[in-house]
Protein backbone atom coordinates (compact mmCIF):
# COMPACT_ATOMS: atom_id res chain seq x y z
CA MET A 1 -1.75 9.17 -12.88
CA ASN A 2 0.01 6.15 -14.24
CA ALA A 3 -0.58 3.17 -11.89
CA ARG A 4 3.01 2.07 -12.40
CA TRP A 5 4.26 5.12 -10.46
CA ILE A 6 1.95 4.30 -7.56
CA TRP A 7 3.40 0.79 -7.28
CA ILE A 8 6.96 2.09 -7.68
CA GLY A 9 6.32 4.55 -4.85
CA LEU A 10 4.89 1.81 -2.64
CA GLY A 11 7.87 -0.41 -3.42
CA LEU A 12 10.32 2.34 -2.49
CA ALA A 13 8.45 3.06 0.75
CA LEU A 14 8.56 -0.65 1.65
CA LEU A 15 12.28 -0.75 0.84
CA VAL A 16 12.85 2.13 3.25
CA ALA A 17 10.83 0.23 5.88
CA LEU A 18 13.13 -2.77 5.40
CA LEU A 19 16.11 -0.52 6.12
CA SER A 20 14.52 0.99 9.24
CA PRO A 21 16.72 -0.90 11.73
CA LEU A 22 19.65 1.09 10.29
CA ALA A 23 18.09 4.41 11.36
CA SER A 24 19.86 6.49 13.96
CA SER A 25 19.17 5.63 17.58
CA HIS A 26 19.68 9.29 18.52
CA PRO A 27 16.54 11.36 19.21
CA ASP A 28 14.95 13.27 16.33
CA GLY A 29 15.23 17.05 16.10
CA LEU A 30 12.11 17.90 18.10
CA GLU A 31 12.95 15.45 20.87
CA ARG A 32 16.54 16.73 20.98
CA VAL A 33 15.38 20.35 21.41
CA ALA A 34 12.99 19.24 24.17
CA GLU A 35 15.90 17.50 25.92
CA ASP A 36 18.24 20.47 25.49
CA LYS A 37 15.66 23.00 26.71
CA GLY A 38 14.55 20.81 29.61
CA PHE A 39 10.86 20.25 28.85
CA LEU A 40 10.94 16.66 27.55
CA GLU A 41 9.43 15.35 30.79
CA LYS A 42 6.32 17.48 30.17
CA ALA A 43 5.50 15.51 27.02
CA GLN A 44 2.30 13.48 27.08
CA ASP A 45 1.65 10.14 25.42
CA ALA A 46 -0.75 9.97 22.50
CA TRP A 47 -4.26 8.76 23.36
CA TYR A 48 -3.72 5.83 20.96
CA ARG A 49 -0.82 3.53 20.21
CA LEU A 50 -1.09 1.36 17.12
CA ILE A 51 2.57 0.37 17.05
CA PRO A 52 4.25 1.76 20.17
CA ASP A 53 7.87 2.90 19.83
CA TYR A 54 7.96 1.71 16.19
CA VAL A 55 8.31 -1.92 17.33
CA PHE A 56 5.69 -4.49 16.30
CA PRO A 57 4.26 -6.06 19.46
CA GLY A 58 4.83 -9.74 20.13
CA VAL A 59 8.00 -10.07 18.04
CA GLU A 60 11.09 -10.85 20.12
CA ASN A 61 13.74 -9.91 17.54
CA GLU A 62 13.96 -6.11 17.78
CA SER A 63 15.20 -5.60 14.20
CA LEU A 64 12.42 -7.77 12.78
CA ALA A 65 9.86 -6.03 15.01
CA THR A 66 11.04 -2.65 13.68
CA ILE A 67 10.86 -3.83 10.07
CA LEU A 68 7.35 -5.25 10.59
CA ALA A 69 6.22 -2.01 12.22
CA GLY A 70 7.50 -0.05 9.22
CA VAL A 71 5.94 -2.39 6.66
CA VAL A 72 2.57 -2.55 8.44
CA GLY A 73 2.52 1.23 8.97
CA THR A 74 3.43 1.83 5.33
CA LEU A 75 0.70 -0.52 4.09
CA ILE A 76 -1.91 1.03 6.41
CA MET A 77 -1.08 4.54 5.23
CA PHE A 78 -0.93 3.46 1.59
CA GLY A 79 -4.36 1.84 1.90
CA LEU A 80 -5.87 4.92 3.54
CA VAL A 81 -4.40 7.39 1.05
CA PHE A 82 -5.10 5.18 -1.97
CA GLY A 83 -8.70 4.64 -0.86
CA LEU A 84 -9.22 8.34 -0.15
CA GLY A 85 -7.72 9.23 -3.53
CA ARG A 86 -10.04 6.85 -5.35
CA LEU A 87 -13.04 8.15 -3.42
CA LEU A 88 -12.18 11.76 -4.21
CA ALA A 89 -11.48 10.95 -7.86
CA ARG A 90 -14.84 9.22 -8.15
CA ARG A 91 -16.58 12.22 -6.59
CA SER A 92 -14.90 14.69 -8.94
CA THR A 93 -16.03 12.78 -12.04
CA SER A 94 -19.65 12.44 -10.85
């Protein structure tokens, strides 16, 4: 794959992260159904919390904290997927 497309994809993902404070404050589809059907209170928290509630900890400005959470999350996932892809590509050529 052309490396240029990888960097374009990362750039677009980071752009979306920068726009994250503009996302709807309404619950997503699954959460809305849980509210409507009355079983939202039965939900359990995840056993881990890297960036709880999509807000970067320690940042007072909520919009900036949301942007940082999106950027950091995007970069973490990019690094994991990119590294895994390189590892698998190296294995398939060996």
